[in-house]
Amino acid sequence: MNLIEKLPEMSDEGVLNLLANARRLGSAGTPQQQAASQEALPAIEAEAARRLESRREETAQKRARAIEQRKATVAAKKKVPA
């Protein structure tokens, strides 16, 4: 199994570290490291972007649920006589 095939199994932190290392080696590594990083970089960037978008969607859904819960709480409080 090569590095690109392992990306889905890696933690978010692992993918971000790999992305940073690939970018660094792409400009400051040996010619062999530069070639390898340039080959892998598109897949690593795509995986990092996919995960970022997934986290954004999860956050938006959590916020929407929290807003609905607050609305329900406010509505319930208005119905209760003081």
N, C-alpha and C. Protein backbone atom coordinates (compact mmCIF):
# COMPACT_ATOMS: atom_id res chain seq x y z
N MET A 1 0.84 -1.17 0.00
CA MET A 1 0.00 0.00 0.00
C MET A 1 0.90 1.24 0.00
N ASN A 2 0.67 2.13 -0.95
CA ASN A 2 1.49 3.34 -1.02
C ASN A 2 0.88 4.46 -0.17
N LEU A 3 1.59 5.54 -0.10
CA LEU A 3 1.20 6.66 0.75
C LEU A 3 -0.18 7.22 0.37
N ILE A 4 -0.44 7.37 -0.89
CA ILE A 4 -1.71 7.92 -1.34
C ILE A 4 -2.87 7.02 -0.94
N GLU A 5 -2.68 5.73 -0.99
CA GLU A 5 -3.73 4.78 -0.59
C GLU A 5 -3.99 4.84 0.92
N LYS A 6 -3.01 5.28 1.69
CA LYS A 6 -3.15 5.36 3.15
C LYS A 6 -3.84 6.63 3.62
N LEU A 7 -3.98 7.61 2.76
CA LEU A 7 -4.54 8.90 3.16
C LEU A 7 -5.90 8.78 3.87
N PRO A 8 -6.86 8.02 3.36
CA PRO A 8 -8.15 7.94 4.05
C PRO A 8 -8.07 7.38 5.46
N GLU A 9 -7.06 6.58 5.74
CA GLU A 9 -6.91 5.97 7.07
C GLU A 9 -6.19 6.89 8.05
N MET A 10 -5.54 7.93 7.56
CA MET A 10 -4.74 8.81 8.40
C MET A 10 -5.64 9.76 9.18
N SER A 11 -5.13 10.22 10.33
CA SER A 11 -5.85 11.22 11.12
C SER A 11 -5.77 12.56 10.39
N ASP A 12 -6.64 13.48 10.79
CA ASP A 12 -6.59 14.82 10.21
C ASP A 12 -5.23 15.46 10.45
N GLU A 13 -4.73 15.31 11.66
CA GLU A 13 -3.42 15.86 12.00
C GLU A 13 -2.32 15.24 11.12
N GLY A 14 -2.42 13.96 10.89
CA GLY A 14 -1.44 13.28 10.05
C GLY A 14 -1.46 13.79 8.62
N VAL A 15 -2.65 14.02 8.09
CA VAL A 15 -2.77 14.54 6.73
C VAL A 15 -2.19 15.94 6.64
N LEU A 16 -2.48 16.78 7.65
CA LEU A 16 -1.95 18.14 7.62
C LEU A 16 -0.43 18.16 7.76
N ASN A 17 0.11 17.28 8.59
CA ASN A 17 1.57 17.18 8.71
C ASN A 17 2.19 16.71 7.40
N LEU A 18 1.58 15.73 6.79
CA LEU A 18 2.06 15.21 5.51
C LEU A 18 2.02 16.30 4.44
N LEU A 19 0.95 17.08 4.43
CA LEU A 19 0.82 18.17 3.47
C LEU A 19 1.94 19.20 3.67
N ALA A 20 2.18 19.57 4.91
CA ALA A 20 3.25 20.54 5.20
C ALA A 20 4.61 19.98 4.77
N ASN A 21 4.86 18.72 5.07
CA ASN A 21 6.13 18.11 4.69
C ASN A 21 6.29 18.02 3.17
N ALA A 22 5.22 17.65 2.49
CA ALA A 22 5.29 17.53 1.02
C ALA A 22 5.57 18.89 0.40
N ARG A 23 4.92 19.92 0.92
CA ARG A 23 5.17 21.26 0.38
C ARG A 23 6.61 21.69 0.64
N ARG A 24 7.10 21.42 1.84
CA ARG A 24 8.48 21.79 2.19
C ARG A 24 9.47 21.04 1.30
N LEU A 25 9.27 19.73 1.17
CA LEU A 25 10.20 18.94 0.36
C LEU A 25 10.10 19.28 -1.13
N GLY A 26 8.94 19.76 -1.55
CA GLY A 26 8.77 20.15 -2.95
C GLY A 26 9.66 21.31 -3.34
N SER A 27 10.02 22.12 -2.37
CA SER A 27 10.88 23.26 -2.70
C SER A 27 12.28 23.17 -2.10
N ALA A 28 12.45 22.38 -1.03
CA ALA A 28 13.75 22.36 -0.35
C ALA A 28 14.37 20.98 -0.28
N GLY A 29 13.75 19.99 -0.86
CA GLY A 29 14.29 18.63 -0.77
C GLY A 29 15.27 18.33 -1.88
N THR A 30 15.76 17.11 -1.83
CA THR A 30 16.63 16.64 -2.90
C THR A 30 15.79 16.50 -4.17
N PRO A 31 16.42 16.38 -5.32
CA PRO A 31 15.63 16.21 -6.55
C PRO A 31 14.66 15.02 -6.48
N GLN A 32 15.08 13.95 -5.85
CA GLN A 32 14.21 12.78 -5.71
C GLN A 32 13.02 13.11 -4.79
N GLN A 33 13.27 13.81 -3.69
CA GLN A 33 12.21 14.20 -2.76
C GLN A 33 11.25 15.19 -3.43
N GLN A 34 11.80 16.10 -4.20
CA GLN A 34 10.97 17.08 -4.90
C GLN A 34 10.04 16.38 -5.89
N ALA A 35 10.57 15.43 -6.61
CA ALA A 35 9.75 14.70 -7.59
C ALA A 35 8.65 13.91 -6.88
N ALA A 36 9.02 13.24 -5.80
CA ALA A 36 8.03 12.44 -5.06
C ALA A 36 6.95 13.32 -4.46
N SER A 37 7.33 14.47 -3.91
CA SER A 37 6.33 15.34 -3.30
C SER A 37 5.42 15.94 -4.37
N GLN A 38 5.96 16.31 -5.51
CA GLN A 38 5.14 16.86 -6.59
C GLN A 38 4.15 15.83 -7.11
N GLU A 39 4.53 14.58 -7.06
CA GLU A 39 3.64 13.51 -7.50
C GLU A 39 2.50 13.29 -6.50
N ALA A 40 2.82 13.35 -5.22
CA ALA A 40 1.84 13.06 -4.18
C ALA A 40 1.03 14.27 -3.76
N LEU A 41 1.54 15.46 -3.97
CA LEU A 41 0.91 16.67 -3.47
C LEU A 41 -0.55 16.86 -3.90
N PRO A 42 -0.92 16.63 -5.16
CA PRO A 42 -2.33 16.81 -5.53
C PRO A 42 -3.29 15.93 -4.72
N ALA A 43 -2.92 14.69 -4.48
CA ALA A 43 -3.78 13.78 -3.72
C ALA A 43 -3.85 14.21 -2.25
N ILE A 44 -2.74 14.64 -1.70
CA ILE A 44 -2.72 15.09 -0.30
C ILE A 44 -3.55 16.36 -0.15
N GLU A 45 -3.39 17.30 -1.07
CA GLU A 45 -4.17 18.53 -1.01
C GLU A 45 -5.66 18.25 -1.15
N ALA A 46 -6.02 17.34 -2.03
CA ALA A 46 -7.43 16.99 -2.22
C ALA A 46 -8.02 16.37 -0.95
N GLU A 47 -7.27 15.50 -0.30
CA GLU A 47 -7.74 14.87 0.94
C GLU A 47 -7.88 15.91 2.05
N ALA A 48 -6.92 16.82 2.16
CA ALA A 48 -7.00 17.88 3.18
C ALA A 48 -8.20 18.78 2.91
N ALA A 49 -8.44 19.13 1.67
CA ALA A 49 -9.59 19.97 1.32
C ALA A 49 -10.90 19.26 1.60
N ARG A 50 -10.96 17.97 1.30
CA ARG A 50 -12.18 17.19 1.56
C ARG A 50 -12.50 17.17 3.04
N ARG A 51 -11.47 16.98 3.85
CA ARG A 51 -11.66 16.93 5.30
C ARG A 51 -12.07 18.29 5.85
N LEU A 52 -11.48 19.36 5.33
CA LEU A 52 -11.84 20.70 5.77
C LEU A 52 -13.31 20.97 5.44
N GLU A 53 -13.73 20.64 4.26
CA GLU A 53 -15.12 20.85 3.86
C GLU A 53 -16.06 20.02 4.73
N SER A 54 -15.67 18.81 5.05
CA SER A 54 -16.48 17.96 5.91
C SER A 54 -16.64 18.58 7.29
N ARG A 55 -15.55 19.10 7.85
CA ARG A 55 -15.62 19.76 9.16
C ARG A 55 -16.49 21.00 9.10
N ARG A 56 -16.42 21.75 8.02
CA ARG A 56 -17.26 22.95 7.87
C ARG A 56 -18.73 22.57 7.83
N GLU A 57 -19.05 21.51 7.10
CA GLU A 57 -20.44 21.05 7.03
C GLU A 57 -20.93 20.59 8.39
N GLU A 58 -20.12 19.85 9.12
CA GLU A 58 -20.49 19.40 10.46
C GLU A 58 -20.73 20.58 11.38
N THR A 59 -19.87 21.59 11.31
CA THR A 59 -20.02 22.77 12.16
C THR A 59 -21.30 23.51 11.81
N ALA A 60 -21.60 23.66 10.54
CA ALA A 60 -22.83 24.33 10.11
C ALA A 60 -24.06 23.57 10.60
N GLN A 61 -24.03 22.25 10.54
CA GLN A 61 -25.15 21.46 11.01
C GLN A 61 -25.32 21.59 12.53
N LYS A 62 -24.22 21.60 13.26
CA LYS A 62 -24.29 21.78 14.72
C LYS A 62 -24.88 23.14 15.07
N ARG A 63 -24.45 24.16 14.35
CA ARG A 63 -24.97 25.51 14.61
C ARG A 63 -26.46 25.57 14.32
N ALA A 64 -26.87 24.96 13.22
CA ALA A 64 -28.29 24.97 12.87
C ALA A 64 -29.11 24.25 13.94
N ARG A 65 -28.62 23.12 14.43
CA ARG A 65 -29.33 22.40 15.49
C ARG A 65 -29.40 23.23 16.77
N ALA A 66 -28.32 23.91 17.11
CA ALA A 66 -28.29 24.75 18.31
C ALA A 66 -29.28 25.90 18.19
N ILE A 67 -29.36 26.51 17.03
CA ILE A 67 -30.31 27.60 16.81
C ILE A 67 -31.74 27.09 16.96
N GLU A 68 -32.04 25.96 16.36
CA GLU A 68 -33.38 25.39 16.47
C GLU A 68 -33.71 25.04 17.92
N GLN A 69 -32.73 24.53 18.64
CA GLN A 69 -32.96 24.19 20.05
C GLN A 69 -33.23 25.45 20.87
N ARG A 70 -32.47 26.51 20.60
CA ARG A 70 -32.71 27.77 21.32
C ARG A 70 -34.08 28.33 21.01
N LYS A 71 -34.48 28.26 19.73
CA LYS A 71 -35.81 28.74 19.34
C LYS A 71 -36.89 27.96 20.08
N ALA A 72 -36.71 26.66 20.16
CA ALA A 72 -37.69 25.82 20.85
C ALA A 72 -37.73 26.15 22.34
N THR A 73 -36.59 26.40 22.94
CA THR A 73 -36.52 26.74 24.35
C THR A 73 -37.21 28.07 24.62
N VAL A 74 -36.96 29.06 23.78
CA VAL A 74 -37.58 30.38 23.93
C VAL A 74 -39.09 30.25 23.75
N ALA A 75 -39.52 29.49 22.77
CA ALA A 75 -40.95 29.30 22.53
C ALA A 75 -41.61 28.61 23.72
N ALA A 76 -40.94 27.62 24.29
CA ALA A 76 -41.49 26.91 25.44
C ALA A 76 -41.59 27.83 26.65
N LYS A 77 -40.63 28.70 26.84
CA LYS A 77 -40.64 29.63 27.97
C LYS A 77 -41.78 30.66 27.82
N LYS A 78 -42.06 31.03 26.60
CA LYS A 78 -43.15 32.01 26.36
C LYS A 78 -44.51 31.40 26.69
N LYS A 79 -44.63 30.11 26.53
CA LYS A 79 -45.90 29.43 26.81
C LYS A 79 -46.15 29.24 28.28
N VAL A 80 -45.12 29.20 29.09
CA VAL A 80 -45.25 28.97 30.53
C VAL A 80 -45.62 30.29 31.19
N PRO A 81 -46.76 30.34 31.92
CA PRO A 81 -47.12 31.59 32.59
C PRO A 81 -46.18 31.85 33.78
N ALA A 82 -45.83 33.11 33.94
CA ALA A 82 -44.89 33.49 35.01
C ALA A 82 -45.60 33.74 36.30
